[in-house]
Each structure stands twice: as structure tokens, then as C-alpha cells.
């Protein structure tokens, strides 16, 4: 299918080809939701390409590839997608998932061409917890704000209860948690929790990175 281009251009082309009603319209809306999630996480350098076909047949939804153009014809260093039945087919529970894999040889070549060397995975310093799916977009933006300031942050995506999410933050070694609920979204704030002292404070979102740095340095 020759639909290749930026987000809005590609979505409009799909609607022009297939319409916006029925099962196809729902599929296009789900795909748009995936693209919305990319925006939450600050991913903007991408192209929608409906001609991509992954070599394995277990994919059931969106597929993607990550390119490193200096490698030329072998520029794909990572690929993956959505598979709803794969885990169950291997004897596990019925659990939809998204996965991906890197081509190690190409990844090493890309790193060499970029002049970088691998580092150990950093510890999580801040765990961002949305209390409901409705505030996930805002929580994702909070996590990206912290990362853009050089702060190691993880985002709770498993929809755990708040208590369980805070337990996960402890297991990951996070010193701080950021709790996001409807009140924080409405007021443009964040609630910062000190995991060791079990104290928390609400503050404007613009002040969050500075307060996090101060507490991590203490």
C-alpha cells in the first residue's frame, strides 16, 4: 500500500482510501491513538509507511522499524510491533503485548559510526505514577520533562493501584515518586513523594525538575 508520509498526511490518505466508518474507521482511530502516544513521549522524527511488512507472521497490529540512515541499505537497526496471541500460543496467558528486537551487529556498527560506547543501564531515580488511564498523557509528559532535564525517570504503565505502583518504585530503587491525578492535571502541578521519608508535596510542574535535583543531591 503506497501510503507514506507525515502523520496527518498519512491519516488523511487512509481515510480517503477506506472511509471513516465501520471496522476500518475504528482501525484508523486506533492507529491514530498510537501516533498520539508517540507525541506524548516526544517522538516526532518518524514517517508513517503502510508498506512495511515484518518477516514474522505473529504480528496483529502496528509494526515499526528504527533506521540509522548512515548504514545505507542495511539501515534498520531495530524492528517490532504488536502481537495479541503470541504469548498464549507459547503456553502463557492471553496477554496482548508489544515487543521489539535490535540487530546486534547493525547496532554495534551504528554505535561505532556515532562514536559512542555502551554504558550500564542507569538506576531509576524517579517513578512517575498516573492514578488512572485518563491522566496517562499528562504523566507521560511529566516523565519526558524529567528525562529532558537529565533525570532518570520511569513511567508506570501497568495500571497498578497506587500502593502497588509505589511498591514497584521501591523495587526499582527510585528515591522519588511523582503522583499524577486529576487534580494535578487540572492545576498544572505534580505531587512529589520522598520514598524514604514517606513525605510528599504538591508543586507547579515548572518547579518539578529543580526540586527533584535538590532532593537527589541531598
C-alpha atoms as a PDB file:
ATOM      1  CA  UNK A   1       0.000   0.000   0.000  1.00  0.00           C
ATOM      2  CA  UNK A   2       1.580   3.274  -1.125  1.00  0.00           C
ATOM      3  CA  UNK A   3       0.764   5.447   1.871  1.00  0.00           C
ATOM      4  CA  UNK A   4       3.974   7.076   3.072  1.00  0.00           C
ATOM      5  CA  UNK A   5       4.365  10.452   4.727  1.00  0.00           C
ATOM      6  CA  UNK A   6       3.950  12.593   7.826  1.00  0.00           C
ATOM      7  CA  UNK A   7       1.277  11.785  10.391  1.00  0.00           C
ATOM      8  CA  UNK A   8      -1.646  13.953   9.244  1.00  0.00           C
ATOM      9  CA  UNK A   9      -0.991  13.379   5.557  1.00  0.00           C
ATOM     10  CA  UNK A  10      -0.929   9.608   6.032  1.00  0.00           C
ATOM     11  CA  UNK A  11      -4.059   9.545   8.214  1.00  0.00           C
ATOM     12  CA  UNK A  12      -5.972  11.596   5.664  1.00  0.00           C
ATOM     13  CA  UNK A  13      -4.785   9.320   2.859  1.00  0.00           C
ATOM     14  CA  UNK A  14      -6.085   6.280   4.775  1.00  0.00           C
ATOM     15  CA  UNK A  15      -9.456   7.952   5.325  1.00  0.00           C
ATOM     16  CA  UNK A  16      -9.630   8.903   1.635  1.00  0.00           C
ATOM     17  CA  UNK A  17      -8.917   5.314   0.624  1.00  0.00           C
ATOM     18  CA  UNK A  18     -11.124   3.465   3.118  1.00  0.00           C
ATOM     19  CA  UNK A  19     -13.515   5.988   4.692  1.00  0.00           C
ATOM     20  CA  UNK A  20     -14.006   6.662   8.401  1.00  0.00           C
ATOM     21  CA  UNK A  21     -16.868   4.340   9.327  1.00  0.00           C
ATOM     22  CA  UNK A  22     -17.202   0.729  10.383  1.00  0.00           C
ATOM     23  CA  UNK A  23     -14.354  -1.586  11.314  1.00  0.00           C
ATOM     24  CA  UNK A  24     -11.860   0.213   9.070  1.00  0.00           C
ATOM     25  CA  UNK A  25     -12.684   3.550  10.680  1.00  0.00           C
ATOM     26  CA  UNK A  26     -12.124   2.014  14.121  1.00  0.00           C
ATOM     27  CA  UNK A  27      -8.778   0.617  12.979  1.00  0.00           C
ATOM     28  CA  UNK A  28      -7.682   4.036  11.720  1.00  0.00           C
ATOM     29  CA  UNK A  29      -8.760   5.606  15.045  1.00  0.00           C
ATOM     30  CA  UNK A  30      -6.692   3.023  16.976  1.00  0.00           C
ATOM     31  CA  UNK A  31      -3.709   3.757  14.756  1.00  0.00           C
ATOM     32  CA  UNK A  32      -4.167   7.489  15.407  1.00  0.00           C
ATOM     33  CA  UNK A  33      -4.129   6.718  19.157  1.00  0.00           C
ATOM     34  CA  UNK A  34      -0.740   5.017  18.690  1.00  0.00           C
ATOM     35  CA  UNK A  35       0.569   8.127  16.934  1.00  0.00           C
ATOM     36  CA  UNK A  36      -0.854  10.271  19.752  1.00  0.00           C
ATOM     37  CA  UNK A  37       1.203   8.224  22.218  1.00  0.00           C
ATOM     38  CA  UNK A  38       4.345   8.990  20.224  1.00  0.00           C
ATOM     39  CA  UNK A  39       3.569  12.685  20.702  1.00  0.00           C
ATOM     40  CA  UNK A  40       3.204  12.208  24.476  1.00  0.00           C
ATOM     41  CA  UNK A  41       6.707  10.757  24.612  1.00  0.00           C
ATOM     42  CA  UNK A  42       8.245  13.448  22.439  1.00  0.00           C
ATOM     43  CA  UNK A  43       8.802  11.210  19.389  1.00  0.00           C
ATOM     44  CA  UNK A  44       8.408  13.402  16.326  1.00  0.00           C
ATOM     45  CA  UNK A  45      11.054  12.223  13.875  1.00  0.00           C
ATOM     46  CA  UNK A  46       9.077   9.443  12.195  1.00  0.00           C
ATOM     47  CA  UNK A  47       7.290   8.658   8.950  1.00  0.00           C
ATOM     48  CA  UNK A  48       4.133   6.608   8.553  1.00  0.00           C
ATOM     49  CA  UNK A  49       4.823   3.895   5.965  1.00  0.00           C
ATOM     50  CA  UNK A  50       1.987   1.446   5.289  1.00  0.00           C
ATOM     51  CA  UNK A  51       4.232  -0.667   3.049  1.00  0.00           C
ATOM     52  CA  UNK A  52       6.310  -2.009   5.968  1.00  0.00           C
ATOM     53  CA  UNK A  53       5.989  -5.789   6.300  1.00  0.00           C
ATOM     54  CA  UNK A  54       7.812  -7.594   9.084  1.00  0.00           C
ATOM     55  CA  UNK A  55       9.147 -11.051   8.271  1.00  0.00           C
ATOM     56  CA  UNK A  56       7.388 -12.863  11.134  1.00  0.00           C
ATOM     57  CA  UNK A  57       3.682 -13.667  10.948  1.00  0.00           C
ATOM     58  CA  UNK A  58       2.680 -13.292  14.597  1.00  0.00           C
ATOM     59  CA  UNK A  59       2.149  -9.533  14.445  1.00  0.00           C
ATOM     60  CA  UNK A  60      -1.507  -8.491  14.757  1.00  0.00           C
ATOM     61  CA  UNK A  61      -1.314  -4.685  14.837  1.00  0.00           C
ATOM     62  CA  UNK A  62       1.066  -1.791  14.330  1.00  0.00           C
ATOM     63  CA  UNK A  63       4.618  -2.668  13.307  1.00  0.00           C
ATOM     64  CA  UNK A  64       7.630  -0.348  13.283  1.00  0.00           C
ATOM     65  CA  UNK A  65      11.281  -0.108  12.338  1.00  0.00           C
ATOM     66  CA  UNK A  66      14.056   2.165  13.606  1.00  0.00           C
ATOM     67  CA  UNK A  67      16.533   3.290  10.973  1.00  0.00           C
ATOM     68  CA  UNK A  68      20.099   4.560  11.129  1.00  0.00           C
ATOM     69  CA  UNK A  69      20.485   6.071   7.619  1.00  0.00           C
ATOM     70  CA  UNK A  70      24.336   6.093   7.535  1.00  0.00           C
ATOM     71  CA  UNK A  71      24.199   2.277   7.285  1.00  0.00           C
ATOM     72  CA  UNK A  72      22.674   2.581   3.815  1.00  0.00           C
ATOM     73  CA  UNK A  73      20.605  -0.328   2.520  1.00  0.00           C
ATOM     74  CA  UNK A  74      21.006  -2.146   5.863  1.00  0.00           C
ATOM     75  CA  UNK A  75      19.822   0.855   7.874  1.00  0.00           C
ATOM     76  CA  UNK A  76      17.213  -0.936  10.034  1.00  0.00           C
ATOM     77  CA  UNK A  77      18.729  -1.434  13.493  1.00  0.00           C
ATOM     78  CA  UNK A  78      15.509  -2.310  15.328  1.00  0.00           C
ATOM     79  CA  UNK A  79      12.071  -3.672  14.499  1.00  0.00           C
ATOM     80  CA  UNK A  80       8.968  -4.834  16.301  1.00  0.00           C
ATOM     81  CA  UNK A  81       5.243  -4.449  16.743  1.00  0.00           C
ATOM     82  CA  UNK A  82       2.018  -5.545  18.426  1.00  0.00           C
ATOM     83  CA  UNK A  83       1.161  -9.219  18.863  1.00  0.00           C
ATOM     84  CA  UNK A  84      -2.047 -10.191  20.648  1.00  0.00           C
ATOM     85  CA  UNK A  85      -1.783 -14.006  20.639  1.00  0.00           C
ATOM     86  CA  UNK A  86       1.914 -14.899  20.666  1.00  0.00           C
ATOM     87  CA  UNK A  87       2.281 -15.402  24.433  1.00  0.00           C
ATOM     88  CA  UNK A  88      -0.802 -17.619  24.534  1.00  0.00           C
ATOM     89  CA  UNK A  89       0.467 -19.701  21.598  1.00  0.00           C
ATOM     90  CA  UNK A  90       3.587 -20.498  23.613  1.00  0.00           C
ATOM     91  CA  UNK A  91       1.516 -21.725  26.562  1.00  0.00           C
ATOM     92  CA  UNK A  92       1.243 -18.495  28.510  1.00  0.00           C
ATOM     93  CA  UNK A  93      -1.781 -16.402  29.443  1.00  0.00           C
ATOM     94  CA  UNK A  94      -3.889 -14.497  26.924  1.00  0.00           C
ATOM     95  CA  UNK A  95      -1.887 -11.286  27.130  1.00  0.00           C
ATOM     96  CA  UNK A  96      -1.571  -8.753  24.280  1.00  0.00           C
ATOM     97  CA  UNK A  97       1.904  -7.248  24.090  1.00  0.00           C
ATOM     98  CA  UNK A  98       4.289  -5.067  22.133  1.00  0.00           C
ATOM     99  CA  UNK A  99       7.869  -6.157  21.577  1.00  0.00           C
ATOM    100  CA  UNK A 100      10.945  -5.352  19.561  1.00  0.00           C
ATOM    101  CA  UNK A 101      14.482  -6.549  18.967  1.00  0.00           C
ATOM    102  CA  UNK A 102      17.728  -4.940  17.892  1.00  0.00           C
ATOM    103  CA  UNK A 103      20.064  -6.354  15.297  1.00  0.00           C
ATOM    104  CA  UNK A 104      23.204  -6.532  17.424  1.00  0.00           C
ATOM    105  CA  UNK A 105      25.673  -6.398  14.524  1.00  0.00           C
ATOM    106  CA  UNK A 106      23.971  -3.360  12.994  1.00  0.00           C
ATOM    107  CA  UNK A 107      23.614  -1.707  16.394  1.00  0.00           C
ATOM    108  CA  UNK A 108      27.337  -2.092  17.040  1.00  0.00           C
ATOM    109  CA  UNK A 109      28.113  -0.615  13.610  1.00  0.00           C
ATOM    110  CA  UNK A 110      25.775   2.307  14.288  1.00  0.00           C
ATOM    111  CA  UNK A 111      27.449   2.955  17.639  1.00  0.00           C
ATOM    112  CA  UNK A 112      30.898   2.853  16.063  1.00  0.00           C
ATOM    113  CA  UNK A 113      29.854   5.298  13.354  1.00  0.00           C
ATOM    114  CA  UNK A 114      28.367   7.578  16.047  1.00  0.00           C
ATOM    115  CA  UNK A 115      31.461   7.412  18.238  1.00  0.00           C
ATOM    116  CA  UNK A 116      29.599   6.130  21.303  1.00  0.00           C
ATOM    117  CA  UNK A 117      30.231   3.200  23.624  1.00  0.00           C
ATOM    118  CA  UNK A 118      27.697   1.173  25.642  1.00  0.00           C
ATOM    119  CA  UNK A 119      27.015   2.027  29.268  1.00  0.00           C
ATOM    120  CA  UNK A 120      25.340   0.102  32.045  1.00  0.00           C
ATOM    121  CA  UNK A 121      21.629   0.774  32.360  1.00  0.00           C
ATOM    122  CA  UNK A 122      21.128   3.672  34.799  1.00  0.00           C
ATOM    123  CA  UNK A 123      19.223   3.295  38.032  1.00  0.00           C
ATOM    124  CA  UNK A 124      15.723   4.745  38.144  1.00  0.00           C
ATOM    125  CA  UNK A 125      15.685   7.881  40.311  1.00  0.00           C
ATOM    126  CA  UNK A 126      12.063   8.976  39.803  1.00  0.00           C
ATOM    127  CA  UNK A 127       8.988   6.808  39.220  1.00  0.00           C
ATOM    128  CA  UNK A 128       6.020   8.630  37.645  1.00  0.00           C
ATOM    129  CA  UNK A 129       2.641   7.187  38.636  1.00  0.00           C
ATOM    130  CA  UNK A 130      -0.640   8.092  36.868  1.00  0.00           C
ATOM    131  CA  UNK A 131      -3.548   7.165  39.142  1.00  0.00           C
ATOM    132  CA  UNK A 132      -5.884   6.447  36.216  1.00  0.00           C
ATOM    133  CA  UNK A 133      -5.712   5.948  32.425  1.00  0.00           C
ATOM    134  CA  UNK A 134      -7.319   9.382  31.930  1.00  0.00           C
ATOM    135  CA  UNK A 135      -4.190  11.149  33.217  1.00  0.00           C
ATOM    136  CA  UNK A 136      -1.644   8.955  31.391  1.00  0.00           C
ATOM    137  CA  UNK A 137      -0.945  11.529  28.676  1.00  0.00           C
ATOM    138  CA  UNK A 138      -0.090  14.193  31.259  1.00  0.00           C
ATOM    139  CA  UNK A 139       2.020  11.710  33.260  1.00  0.00           C
ATOM    140  CA  UNK A 140       3.938  10.769  30.113  1.00  0.00           C
ATOM    141  CA  UNK A 141       4.700  14.436  29.506  1.00  0.00           C
ATOM    142  CA  UNK A 142       5.928  14.758  33.097  1.00  0.00           C
ATOM    143  CA  UNK A 143       8.260  11.789  32.628  1.00  0.00           C
ATOM    144  CA  UNK A 144       9.596  13.296  29.398  1.00  0.00           C
ATOM    145  CA  UNK A 145      10.106  16.659  31.111  1.00  0.00           C
ATOM    146  CA  UNK A 146      12.280  14.999  33.754  1.00  0.00           C
ATOM    147  CA  UNK A 147      14.233  12.996  31.163  1.00  0.00           C
ATOM    148  CA  UNK A 148      14.829  16.125  29.083  1.00  0.00           C
ATOM    149  CA  UNK A 149      16.455  17.617  32.185  1.00  0.00           C
ATOM    150  CA  UNK A 150      18.796  14.632  32.516  1.00  0.00           C
ATOM    151  CA  UNK A 151      16.822  12.973  35.329  1.00  0.00           C
ATOM    152  CA  UNK A 152      16.391   9.194  35.133  1.00  0.00           C
ATOM    153  CA  UNK A 153      12.630   8.629  35.220  1.00  0.00           C
ATOM    154  CA  UNK A 154      10.375   5.629  34.627  1.00  0.00           C
ATOM    155  CA  UNK A 155       6.647   5.753  33.867  1.00  0.00           C
ATOM    156  CA  UNK A 156       4.133   3.348  35.440  1.00  0.00           C
ATOM    157  CA  UNK A 157       2.257   1.716  32.562  1.00  0.00           C
ATOM    158  CA  UNK A 158       0.836  -1.438  34.169  1.00  0.00           C
ATOM    159  CA  UNK A 159      -2.191   0.346  35.692  1.00  0.00           C
ATOM    160  CA  UNK A 160      -1.324  -0.844  39.186  1.00  0.00           C
ATOM    161  CA  UNK A 161      -3.095   0.545  42.209  1.00  0.00           C
ATOM    162  CA  UNK A 162      -1.231   3.446  43.771  1.00  0.00           C
ATOM    163  CA  UNK A 163       0.086   1.357  46.648  1.00  0.00           C
ATOM    164  CA  UNK A 164       1.337  -1.341  44.285  1.00  0.00           C
ATOM    165  CA  UNK A 165       2.890   1.239  41.969  1.00  0.00           C
ATOM    166  CA  UNK A 166       4.794   2.764  44.896  1.00  0.00           C
ATOM    167  CA  UNK A 167       5.994  -0.725  45.837  1.00  0.00           C
ATOM    168  CA  UNK A 168       7.319  -1.079  42.292  1.00  0.00           C
ATOM    169  CA  UNK A 169       9.106   2.260  42.687  1.00  0.00           C
ATOM    170  CA  UNK A 170      10.806   0.840  45.793  1.00  0.00           C
ATOM    171  CA  UNK A 171      11.853  -2.326  43.945  1.00  0.00           C
ATOM    172  CA  UNK A 172      13.364  -0.220  41.161  1.00  0.00           C
ATOM    173  CA  UNK A 173      15.343   1.785  43.686  1.00  0.00           C
ATOM    174  CA  UNK A 174      13.595   5.065  42.915  1.00  0.00           C
ATOM    175  CA  UNK A 175      14.281   7.687  45.559  1.00  0.00           C
ATOM    176  CA  UNK A 176      11.293   9.773  44.488  1.00  0.00           C
ATOM    177  CA  UNK A 177       7.854   9.184  43.010  1.00  0.00           C
ATOM    178  CA  UNK A 178       5.710  11.651  41.107  1.00  0.00           C
ATOM    179  CA  UNK A 179       1.983  11.028  41.544  1.00  0.00           C
ATOM    180  CA  UNK A 180      -0.387  12.361  38.882  1.00  0.00           C
ATOM    181  CA  UNK A 181      -4.135  12.529  39.382  1.00  0.00           C
ATOM    182  CA  UNK A 182      -6.992  14.652  38.021  1.00  0.00           C
ATOM    183  CA  UNK A 183      -6.207  17.487  40.445  1.00  0.00           C
ATOM    184  CA  UNK A 184      -2.593  17.697  39.265  1.00  0.00           C
ATOM    185  CA  UNK A 185      -3.707  17.773  35.631  1.00  0.00           C
ATOM    186  CA  UNK A 186      -6.314  20.453  36.275  1.00  0.00           C
ATOM    187  CA  UNK A 187      -3.902  22.684  38.204  1.00  0.00           C
ATOM    188  CA  UNK A 188      -0.780  22.028  36.123  1.00  0.00           C
ATOM    189  CA  UNK A 189       1.002  20.518  39.118  1.00  0.00           C
ATOM    190  CA  UNK A 190       2.722  17.350  40.282  1.00  0.00           C
ATOM    191  CA  UNK A 191       2.818  15.613  43.653  1.00  0.00           C
ATOM    192  CA  UNK A 192       6.377  14.654  44.603  1.00  0.00           C
ATOM    193  CA  UNK A 193       6.830  11.844  47.129  1.00  0.00           C
ATOM    194  CA  UNK A 194      10.050  11.110  49.018  1.00  0.00           C
ATOM    195  CA  UNK A 195      10.135   7.317  49.131  1.00  0.00           C
ATOM    196  CA  UNK A 196      12.441   7.081  52.170  1.00  0.00           C
ATOM    197  CA  UNK A 197      10.762   9.728  54.320  1.00  0.00           C
ATOM    198  CA  UNK A 198       7.260   8.896  53.035  1.00  0.00           C
ATOM    199  CA  UNK A 199       6.552  12.608  52.722  1.00  0.00           C
ATOM    200  CA  UNK A 200       5.011  14.317  49.733  1.00  0.00           C
ATOM    201  CA  UNK A 201       4.445  17.829  48.469  1.00  0.00           C
ATOM    202  CA  UNK A 202       2.480  19.358  45.571  1.00  0.00           C
ATOM    203  CA  UNK A 203       4.221  21.912  43.397  1.00  0.00           C
ATOM    204  CA  UNK A 204       3.865  23.585  39.980  1.00  0.00           C
ATOM    205  CA  UNK A 205       5.107  21.439  37.116  1.00  0.00           C
ATOM    206  CA  UNK A 206       7.679  24.078  36.111  1.00  0.00           C
ATOM    207  CA  UNK A 207       9.308  23.736  39.548  1.00  0.00           C
ATOM    208  CA  UNK A 208       9.454  19.933  39.492  1.00  0.00           C
ATOM    209  CA  UNK A 209      12.879  19.339  37.845  1.00  0.00           C
ATOM    210  CA  UNK A 210      14.627  21.752  40.194  1.00  0.00           C
ATOM    211  CA  UNK A 211      13.012  20.246  43.283  1.00  0.00           C
ATOM    212  CA  UNK A 212      13.873  16.731  42.105  1.00  0.00           C
ATOM    213  CA  UNK A 213      17.519  17.691  41.575  1.00  0.00           C
ATOM    214  CA  UNK A 214      17.688  19.284  45.032  1.00  0.00           C
ATOM    215  CA  UNK A 215      16.302  16.196  46.730  1.00  0.00           C
ATOM    216  CA  UNK A 216      18.500  13.792  44.753  1.00  0.00           C
ATOM    217  CA  UNK A 217      21.567  15.829  45.708  1.00  0.00           C
ATOM    218  CA  UNK A 218      20.675  15.826  49.414  1.00  0.00           C
END
